[in-house]
């Protein structure tokens, strides 16, 4: 595999914006950008040292086009797709313009964050063994478009409110179908943004199928299907005596496994001794896992970033719950009531139910212990915050009980007189 450009060489984001998004100012060339931005983009191939929230601030919420150009050029996506760098930038500008900046979570910064995560995963040696340059391009493109035009409400809300998108997609994987469809519609809308224009028919068909498949895999209602498929092919579990690996599904929907238990368990997920064959189906399973982990990688980020994303997603869910109550719709996430929600408790449940097992499997395959180490540390933080909240609530209840008792005694004394 040819050596990739480093982040500094990649990050020339000059050129004109697409005519379809001319209302947005063109991004200046990297050499004309502030030194702080250049320094930050130099770290964009690092997991621990890159700060997406700082990029959001420095670019005034234009993370996707800046990080996108840095990353896509580092992976030579323009060469793989046989398109110009200006076309690549025009495309990123158009995709970014179609993210809803009013969403606290599902916005262009989230898309850039997922793009950064999947790029880091693609740098892992074991992943490189399975992914061609076209696979890499498909992964990065899927990350960029995977939530485009997200309305800030989930698919259940759209179905319950009889939204037009729910009708269009027959209440099935509504948002993910919309993101994939719109991503390609925008790409084909103008030759100046059409990054696929020079691909031959077969290559375009492959990349289109791959991108759609990955975007649809971000539907969390299908989470355990994809995770268990990956576990069956790329990961395995050993018993205490070190018996042969098996492809036993773990963390079924009705059998959540606590993070601490999963980490300490003797049934630790282990790297498969037999390397799975590099078949199209296995590569597809791997790419679904990569984008799934990238999409929910917030728990694997340094604590400052992890906390900010947790509060952002909670605010978006609070807003949905507010709308559901106002419109008389079913409340699909009752735990996200802004008057009663415990964010630490919700995070603990998210780690236990979705995150810990999935990232343990990714680590077992791709050898990425840094991610699971950060997840463990962040899990401890949320547990401590939850314990502190519970202690405060118990203290408030004790004080309230004392006041009630004093009032009852006072009333009893008044009545006796």
Protein backbone atom coordinates (compact mmCIF):
# COMPACT_ATOMS: atom_id res chain seq x y z
CA UNK A 1 0.00 0.00 0.00
CA UNK A 2 1.36 3.42 -0.96
CA UNK A 3 2.36 5.61 1.96
CA UNK A 4 -0.27 8.19 2.85
CA UNK A 5 0.39 11.88 2.99
CA UNK A 6 0.73 13.26 6.47
CA UNK A 7 -1.87 15.68 7.78
CA UNK A 8 0.19 18.76 6.97
CA UNK A 9 0.65 17.78 3.32
CA UNK A 10 -3.03 16.91 2.98
CA UNK A 11 -4.64 19.95 4.48
CA UNK A 12 -4.74 22.37 1.56
CA UNK A 13 -8.37 23.38 1.52
CA UNK A 14 -8.23 26.03 -1.17
CA UNK A 15 -10.42 26.32 -4.24
CA UNK A 16 -13.93 27.55 -4.97
CA UNK A 17 -17.09 26.27 -3.39
CA UNK A 18 -19.80 24.47 -5.32
CA UNK A 19 -22.35 26.60 -7.13
CA UNK A 20 -24.98 24.67 -5.20
CA UNK A 21 -23.68 26.12 -1.93
CA UNK A 22 -22.45 29.52 -3.08
CA UNK A 23 -24.11 31.17 -0.10
CA UNK A 24 -21.34 29.74 2.06
CA UNK A 25 -17.97 31.51 1.87
CA UNK A 26 -15.13 29.61 0.25
CA UNK A 27 -12.64 28.07 2.66
CA UNK A 28 -9.21 29.74 2.45
CA UNK A 29 -6.04 27.84 1.65
CA UNK A 30 -4.38 26.24 4.66
CA UNK A 31 -1.35 28.49 4.47
CA UNK A 32 -3.65 31.51 4.89
CA UNK A 33 -5.43 30.03 7.92
CA UNK A 34 -4.65 30.80 11.57
CA UNK A 35 -1.67 28.99 13.02
CA UNK A 36 -3.85 27.35 15.68
CA UNK A 37 -5.96 25.73 12.95
CA UNK A 38 -2.92 24.48 11.07
CA UNK A 39 -1.44 23.07 14.26
CA UNK A 40 -4.67 21.29 15.15
CA UNK A 41 -5.09 19.75 11.69
CA UNK A 42 -1.55 18.41 11.93
CA UNK A 43 -2.86 16.21 14.76
CA UNK A 44 -5.87 14.93 12.85
CA UNK A 45 -4.34 11.49 12.35
CA UNK A 46 -4.10 11.08 16.14
CA UNK A 47 -6.85 9.73 18.39
CA UNK A 48 -5.81 11.23 21.72
CA UNK A 49 -4.31 14.54 20.57
CA UNK A 50 -7.03 15.74 18.18
CA UNK A 51 -9.85 17.90 19.59
CA UNK A 52 -12.94 18.11 17.38
CA UNK A 53 -14.54 20.71 19.65
CA UNK A 54 -11.55 23.01 19.23
CA UNK A 55 -11.81 22.51 15.46
CA UNK A 56 -15.49 23.45 15.66
CA UNK A 57 -14.55 26.69 17.42
CA UNK A 58 -11.63 27.58 15.13
CA UNK A 59 -13.59 26.92 11.92
CA UNK A 60 -16.84 28.48 13.15
CA UNK A 61 -18.64 25.13 12.82
CA UNK A 62 -17.12 24.25 9.45
CA UNK A 63 -15.36 21.14 10.71
CA UNK A 64 -16.45 18.85 7.92
CA UNK A 65 -14.87 20.67 5.00
CA UNK A 66 -11.59 21.39 6.84
CA UNK A 67 -11.13 17.98 8.42
CA UNK A 68 -12.67 16.32 5.37
CA UNK A 69 -10.12 17.75 2.97
CA UNK A 70 -7.27 16.96 5.35
CA UNK A 71 -8.42 13.37 5.77
CA UNK A 72 -9.64 12.53 2.28
CA UNK A 73 -6.44 13.83 0.71
CA UNK A 74 -4.37 11.91 3.24
CA UNK A 75 -6.10 8.76 2.01
CA UNK A 76 -5.73 9.85 -1.65
CA UNK A 77 -9.49 9.60 -2.14
CA UNK A 78 -9.31 12.04 -5.07
CA UNK A 79 -6.92 9.66 -6.83
CA UNK A 80 -9.06 6.63 -6.06
CA UNK A 81 -12.15 8.35 -7.43
CA UNK A 82 -10.23 10.09 -10.23
CA UNK A 83 -11.64 13.48 -9.31
CA UNK A 84 -9.96 16.84 -8.73
CA UNK A 85 -9.24 18.25 -5.30
CA UNK A 86 -11.54 21.18 -6.06
CA UNK A 87 -14.39 18.77 -6.81
CA UNK A 88 -13.71 17.04 -3.51
CA UNK A 89 -13.87 20.35 -1.66
CA UNK A 90 -17.02 21.43 -3.50
CA UNK A 91 -18.64 18.14 -2.51
CA UNK A 92 -17.68 18.50 1.15
CA UNK A 93 -18.95 22.08 1.17
CA UNK A 94 -22.30 20.99 -0.25
CA UNK A 95 -22.66 18.05 2.14
CA UNK A 96 -21.76 20.25 5.12
CA UNK A 97 -24.29 22.89 4.04
CA UNK A 98 -27.03 20.27 4.19
CA UNK A 99 -26.43 19.37 7.83
CA UNK A 100 -28.75 21.10 10.27
CA UNK A 101 -26.62 23.53 12.26
CA UNK A 102 -29.51 23.98 14.69
CA UNK A 103 -29.17 20.42 16.00
CA UNK A 104 -27.19 20.21 19.21
CA UNK A 105 -25.80 16.78 18.29
CA UNK A 106 -26.65 15.56 14.78
CA UNK A 107 -24.82 18.30 12.92
CA UNK A 108 -21.75 18.71 10.71
CA UNK A 109 -19.42 18.57 13.71
CA UNK A 110 -20.74 15.10 14.52
CA UNK A 111 -20.20 14.07 10.88
CA UNK A 112 -16.61 15.33 11.08
CA UNK A 113 -16.13 13.50 14.38
CA UNK A 114 -17.31 10.22 12.83
CA UNK A 115 -15.07 10.86 9.82
CA UNK A 116 -12.09 11.32 12.13
CA UNK A 117 -12.91 8.13 14.04
CA UNK A 118 -13.29 5.92 10.99
CA UNK A 119 -10.06 7.32 9.52
CA UNK A 120 -8.23 6.31 12.69
CA UNK A 121 -9.76 2.84 12.47
CA UNK A 122 -8.65 2.53 8.84
CA UNK A 123 -5.08 3.24 9.95
CA UNK A 124 -5.02 0.03 12.02
CA UNK A 125 -2.85 -2.64 10.41
CA UNK A 126 -5.45 -5.40 10.71
CA UNK A 127 -8.06 -3.21 9.03
CA UNK A 128 -5.65 -2.34 6.23
CA UNK A 129 -5.31 -6.05 5.50
CA UNK A 130 -8.98 -6.15 4.47
CA UNK A 131 -9.67 -2.75 2.91
CA UNK A 132 -8.72 -1.65 -0.59
CA UNK A 133 -8.38 2.02 -1.49
CA UNK A 134 -11.97 1.89 -2.79
CA UNK A 135 -13.13 0.45 0.54
CA UNK A 136 -11.35 3.25 2.37
CA UNK A 137 -12.95 5.87 0.14
CA UNK A 138 -16.38 4.33 0.72
CA UNK A 139 -15.86 4.38 4.50
CA UNK A 140 -14.87 8.04 4.52
CA UNK A 141 -17.70 9.06 2.21
CA UNK A 142 -20.24 7.12 4.27
CA UNK A 143 -19.01 8.85 7.43
CA UNK A 144 -19.37 12.28 5.82
CA UNK A 145 -22.97 11.75 4.66
CA UNK A 146 -24.26 9.35 7.32
CA UNK A 147 -26.48 11.93 9.09
CA UNK A 148 -26.91 14.57 6.38
CA UNK A 149 -30.12 16.60 6.80
CA UNK A 150 -30.90 14.94 10.14
CA UNK A 151 -34.01 16.65 11.57
CA UNK A 152 -32.92 16.35 15.20
CA UNK A 153 -35.65 13.78 15.86
CA UNK A 154 -35.31 10.01 15.61
CA UNK A 155 -37.08 7.65 13.25
CA UNK A 156 -39.67 6.64 15.86
CA UNK A 157 -40.72 10.28 16.21
CA UNK A 158 -41.06 10.61 12.43
CA UNK A 159 -43.18 7.46 12.26
CA UNK A 160 -45.39 8.48 15.19
CA UNK A 161 -45.93 11.96 13.75
CA UNK A 162 -46.73 10.62 10.25
CA UNK A 163 -43.84 12.61 8.80
CA UNK A 164 -43.37 12.63 5.04
CA UNK A 165 -40.06 10.76 5.30
CA UNK A 166 -41.69 7.97 7.31
CA UNK A 167 -44.33 7.60 4.62
CA UNK A 168 -41.70 7.64 1.87
CA UNK A 169 -39.68 4.84 3.49
CA UNK A 170 -42.61 2.82 4.85
CA UNK A 171 -41.54 3.37 8.48
CA UNK A 172 -38.43 1.23 7.85
CA UNK A 173 -34.97 2.59 8.73
CA UNK A 174 -36.38 6.00 7.88
CA UNK A 175 -33.53 8.37 8.69
CA UNK A 176 -30.71 6.17 7.45
CA UNK A 177 -32.48 5.65 4.12
CA UNK A 178 -32.94 9.41 3.87
CA UNK A 179 -29.28 10.18 4.64
CA UNK A 180 -28.01 7.68 2.06
CA UNK A 181 -30.47 8.77 -0.61
CA UNK A 182 -29.90 12.49 -0.13
CA UNK A 183 -26.13 12.02 0.01
CA UNK A 184 -26.14 10.55 -3.49
CA UNK A 185 -28.76 12.99 -4.77
CA UNK A 186 -26.60 15.94 -3.71
CA UNK A 187 -23.49 14.33 -5.20
CA UNK A 188 -25.18 13.86 -8.58
CA UNK A 189 -26.77 17.32 -8.58
CA UNK A 190 -23.90 19.10 -10.36
CA UNK A 191 -20.73 18.01 -12.15
CA UNK A 192 -18.76 20.40 -9.97
CA UNK A 193 -19.58 18.29 -6.90
CA UNK A 194 -19.83 14.85 -8.51
CA UNK A 195 -16.88 13.00 -7.00
CA UNK A 196 -18.00 9.78 -8.78
CA UNK A 197 -18.16 11.23 -12.29
CA UNK A 198 -14.95 9.62 -13.57
CA UNK A 199 -15.46 6.17 -12.06
CA UNK A 200 -16.25 3.30 -14.40
CA UNK A 201 -19.66 1.71 -14.03
CA UNK A 202 -18.51 -1.31 -12.00
CA UNK A 203 -16.42 0.74 -9.57
CA UNK A 204 -19.26 3.20 -9.04
CA UNK A 205 -21.68 0.37 -8.40
CA UNK A 206 -19.32 -1.12 -5.80
CA UNK A 207 -18.72 2.13 -3.95
CA UNK A 208 -22.40 3.10 -4.06
CA UNK A 209 -23.46 -0.27 -2.66
CA UNK A 210 -20.80 -0.05 0.05
CA UNK A 211 -21.70 3.49 1.14
CA UNK A 212 -25.42 2.71 1.31
CA UNK A 213 -24.74 -0.49 3.25
CA UNK A 214 -22.65 1.35 5.83
CA UNK A 215 -25.08 4.24 6.29
CA UNK A 216 -27.97 1.80 6.79
CA UNK A 217 -25.85 -0.06 9.36
CA UNK A 218 -25.94 2.99 11.64
CA UNK A 219 -29.59 2.20 12.43
CA UNK A 220 -29.30 1.34 16.13
CA UNK A 221 -32.40 -0.86 15.98
CA UNK A 222 -30.20 -3.31 14.01
CA UNK A 223 -27.26 -2.94 16.41
CA UNK A 224 -27.08 -6.49 17.74
CA UNK A 225 -27.50 -8.05 14.30
CA UNK A 226 -24.37 -6.33 13.02
CA UNK A 227 -22.34 -6.74 16.20
CA UNK A 228 -23.05 -10.46 16.44
CA UNK A 229 -22.17 -10.96 12.77
CA UNK A 230 -18.83 -9.28 13.39
CA UNK A 231 -18.30 -11.36 16.51
CA UNK A 232 -19.00 -14.54 14.56
CA UNK A 233 -16.41 -13.73 11.89
CA UNK A 234 -13.69 -11.57 13.45
CA UNK A 235 -13.80 -12.13 17.19
CA UNK A 236 -14.10 -15.13 19.46
CA UNK A 237 -14.57 -16.01 23.11
CA UNK A 238 -12.45 -18.36 25.15
CA UNK A 239 -13.58 -20.17 28.26
CA UNK A 240 -11.53 -20.13 31.46
CA UNK A 241 -9.51 -23.15 30.40
CA UNK A 242 -8.53 -21.53 27.10
CA UNK A 243 -10.72 -23.76 24.99
CA UNK A 244 -11.14 -23.27 21.28
CA UNK A 245 -12.75 -20.02 20.21
CA UNK A 246 -16.42 -20.00 19.42
CA UNK A 247 -18.65 -17.52 17.67
CA UNK A 248 -21.19 -17.28 20.47
CA UNK A 249 -23.20 -14.04 20.22
CA UNK A 250 -22.72 -11.76 23.20
CA UNK A 251 -24.68 -8.91 24.72
CA UNK A 252 -28.05 -9.80 23.25
CA UNK A 253 -30.79 -7.18 23.56
CA UNK A 254 -32.34 -9.01 26.51
CA UNK A 255 -28.97 -9.79 28.12
CA UNK A 256 -27.07 -6.53 28.70
CA UNK A 257 -23.61 -6.97 30.13
CA UNK A 258 -22.21 -4.43 32.58
CA UNK A 259 -19.04 -2.67 31.50
CA UNK A 260 -17.07 -3.63 34.59
CA UNK A 261 -18.19 -7.25 34.33
CA UNK A 262 -17.37 -7.39 30.62
CA UNK A 263 -13.91 -5.97 31.18
CA UNK A 264 -13.04 -8.22 34.11
CA UNK A 265 -14.69 -11.38 32.83
CA UNK A 266 -12.50 -14.45 32.15
CA UNK A 267 -14.62 -14.82 29.00
CA UNK A 268 -12.66 -11.89 27.56
CA UNK A 269 -13.02 -11.44 23.84
CA UNK A 270 -9.81 -12.63 22.20
CA UNK A 271 -8.27 -12.28 18.80
CA UNK A 272 -9.20 -15.13 16.51
CA UNK A 273 -6.28 -17.46 15.96
CA UNK A 274 -7.55 -18.23 12.48
CA UNK A 275 -7.49 -15.17 10.23
CA UNK A 276 -10.92 -14.80 8.59
CA UNK A 277 -10.78 -14.94 4.79
CA UNK A 278 -10.80 -11.66 2.90
CA UNK A 279 -14.14 -12.12 1.15
CA UNK A 280 -16.54 -9.38 0.01
CA UNK A 281 -19.05 -10.40 2.68
CA UNK A 282 -16.45 -10.33 5.47
CA UNK A 283 -15.17 -6.94 4.32
CA UNK A 284 -18.77 -5.65 4.34
CA UNK A 285 -19.24 -6.94 7.90
CA UNK A 286 -16.01 -5.23 8.96
CA UNK A 287 -16.96 -1.90 7.37
CA UNK A 288 -20.36 -1.95 9.08
CA UNK A 289 -18.59 -2.45 12.40
CA UNK A 290 -16.18 0.39 11.68
CA UNK A 291 -18.89 2.94 10.96
CA UNK A 292 -21.01 1.72 13.87
CA UNK A 293 -18.13 2.21 16.30
CA UNK A 294 -17.25 5.55 14.73
CA UNK A 295 -20.86 6.74 14.97
CA UNK A 296 -21.00 6.13 18.74
CA UNK A 297 -17.33 6.72 19.55
CA UNK A 298 -18.04 9.53 22.05
CA UNK A 299 -17.42 7.22 25.06
CA UNK A 300 -13.96 6.46 23.64
CA UNK A 301 -13.00 10.13 23.43
CA UNK A 302 -11.02 11.98 26.11
CA UNK A 303 -13.27 12.92 29.02
CA UNK A 304 -13.74 16.60 28.11
CA UNK A 305 -14.98 15.69 24.63
CA UNK A 306 -16.95 12.69 25.89
CA UNK A 307 -18.86 14.84 28.40
CA UNK A 308 -19.69 17.54 25.85
CA UNK A 309 -21.16 15.02 23.40
CA UNK A 310 -23.16 13.38 26.20
CA UNK A 311 -24.77 16.70 27.11
CA UNK A 312 -25.39 17.57 23.46
CA UNK A 313 -27.22 14.34 22.67
CA UNK A 314 -29.21 14.65 25.88
CA UNK A 315 -30.35 18.14 24.89
CA UNK A 316 -31.51 16.88 21.49
CA UNK A 317 -33.44 14.05 23.16
CA UNK A 318 -34.91 16.47 25.72
CA UNK A 319 -36.18 18.61 22.87
CA UNK A 320 -37.79 15.59 21.20
CA UNK A 321 -39.51 14.59 24.45
CA UNK A 322 -40.79 18.17 24.82
CA UNK A 323 -42.27 18.00 21.31
CA UNK A 324 -43.84 14.59 21.92
CA UNK A 325 -45.60 15.85 25.05
CA UNK A 326 -46.75 19.02 23.30
CA UNK A 327 -48.09 17.10 20.28
CA UNK A 328 -49.64 14.27 22.29
CA UNK A 329 -47.35 11.66 20.71
CA UNK A 330 -45.95 8.57 22.42
CA UNK A 331 -42.82 9.46 24.41
CA UNK A 332 -40.30 7.02 22.96
CA UNK A 333 -37.46 7.90 25.34
CA UNK A 334 -39.14 8.68 28.69
CA UNK A 335 -35.80 8.66 30.49
CA UNK A 336 -34.89 11.83 28.55
CA UNK A 337 -37.29 14.15 30.33
CA UNK A 338 -35.34 17.32 31.09
CA UNK A 339 -37.01 17.64 34.49
CA UNK A 340 -36.04 14.19 35.75
CA UNK A 341 -33.21 12.83 33.58
CA UNK A 342 -29.91 11.75 35.09
CA UNK A 343 -27.30 12.07 32.36
CA UNK A 344 -24.74 9.97 34.27
CA UNK A 345 -27.30 7.19 34.67
CA UNK A 346 -28.24 7.34 30.99
CA UNK A 347 -24.57 7.15 30.03
CA UNK A 348 -23.98 4.13 32.25
CA UNK A 349 -26.86 2.33 30.57
CA UNK A 350 -25.50 3.25 27.13
CA UNK A 351 -22.07 1.85 27.97
CA UNK A 352 -23.53 -1.32 29.51
CA UNK A 353 -25.96 -2.04 26.71
CA UNK A 354 -24.15 -0.93 23.56
CA UNK A 355 -20.60 0.30 23.97
CA UNK A 356 -18.42 -1.96 26.10
CA UNK A 357 -18.87 -5.26 24.28
CA UNK A 358 -18.71 -3.67 20.83
CA UNK A 359 -15.45 -1.83 21.46
CA UNK A 360 -13.93 -4.85 23.18
CA UNK A 361 -14.60 -6.77 19.97
CA UNK A 362 -13.07 -4.03 17.83
CA UNK A 363 -10.00 -3.97 20.07
CA UNK A 364 -9.70 -7.75 19.93
CA UNK A 365 -9.61 -7.62 16.15
CA UNK A 366 -7.78 -4.36 15.41
CA UNK A 367 -5.59 -4.09 18.53
CA UNK A 368 -6.82 -0.69 19.74
CA UNK A 369 -6.52 -0.88 23.55
CA UNK A 370 -6.33 2.90 23.81
CA UNK A 371 -10.05 3.06 23.02
CA UNK A 372 -11.13 0.54 25.62
CA UNK A 373 -8.86 2.13 28.22
CA UNK A 374 -10.52 5.51 27.69
CA UNK A 375 -13.97 3.90 27.77
CA UNK A 376 -13.16 2.28 31.11
CA UNK A 377 -11.95 5.59 32.56
CA UNK A 378 -15.01 7.46 31.31
CA UNK A 379 -17.29 4.74 32.66
CA UNK A 380 -15.75 5.18 36.09
CA UNK A 381 -16.33 8.93 35.83
CA UNK A 382 -20.05 8.48 35.06
CA UNK A 383 -20.39 5.94 37.87
CA UNK A 384 -18.87 8.44 40.30
CA UNK A 385 -21.15 11.21 39.03
CA UNK A 386 -24.17 8.94 39.38
CA UNK A 387 -23.21 8.03 42.95
CA UNK A 388 -22.79 11.73 43.75
CA UNK A 389 -26.23 12.50 42.28
CA UNK A 390 -27.84 9.71 44.30
CA UNK A 391 -26.15 10.93 47.47
CA UNK A 392 -27.45 14.45 46.86
CA UNK A 393 -30.97 13.14 46.23
CA UNK A 394 -30.89 11.08 49.43
CA UNK A 395 -29.65 14.11 51.38
CA UNK A 396 -32.44 16.25 49.93
CA UNK A 397 -34.99 13.57 50.84
CA UNK A 398 -33.68 13.41 54.42
CA UNK A 399 -33.90 17.18 54.74
CA UNK A 400 -37.39 17.15 53.26
CA UNK A 401 -38.51 14.42 55.67
CA UNK A 402 -37.17 16.43 58.61
CA UNK A 403 -39.11 19.51 57.50
CA UNK A 404 -42.29 17.46 57.12
CA UNK A 405 -41.86 15.96 60.57
CA UNK A 406 -41.25 19.39 62.10
CA UNK A 407 -44.34 20.77 60.38
CA UNK A 408 -46.46 17.83 61.59
CA UNK A 409 -45.22 18.33 65.17
CA UNK A 410 -45.95 22.04 64.94
CA UNK A 411 -49.46 21.38 63.63
CA UNK A 412 -50.05 18.74 66.33
CA UNK A 413 -49.00 21.23 69.05
CA UNK A 414 -51.30 23.90 67.67
CA UNK A 415 -54.25 21.50 67.62
CA UNK A 416 -53.69 20.38 71.23
CA UNK A 417 -53.82 23.99 72.39
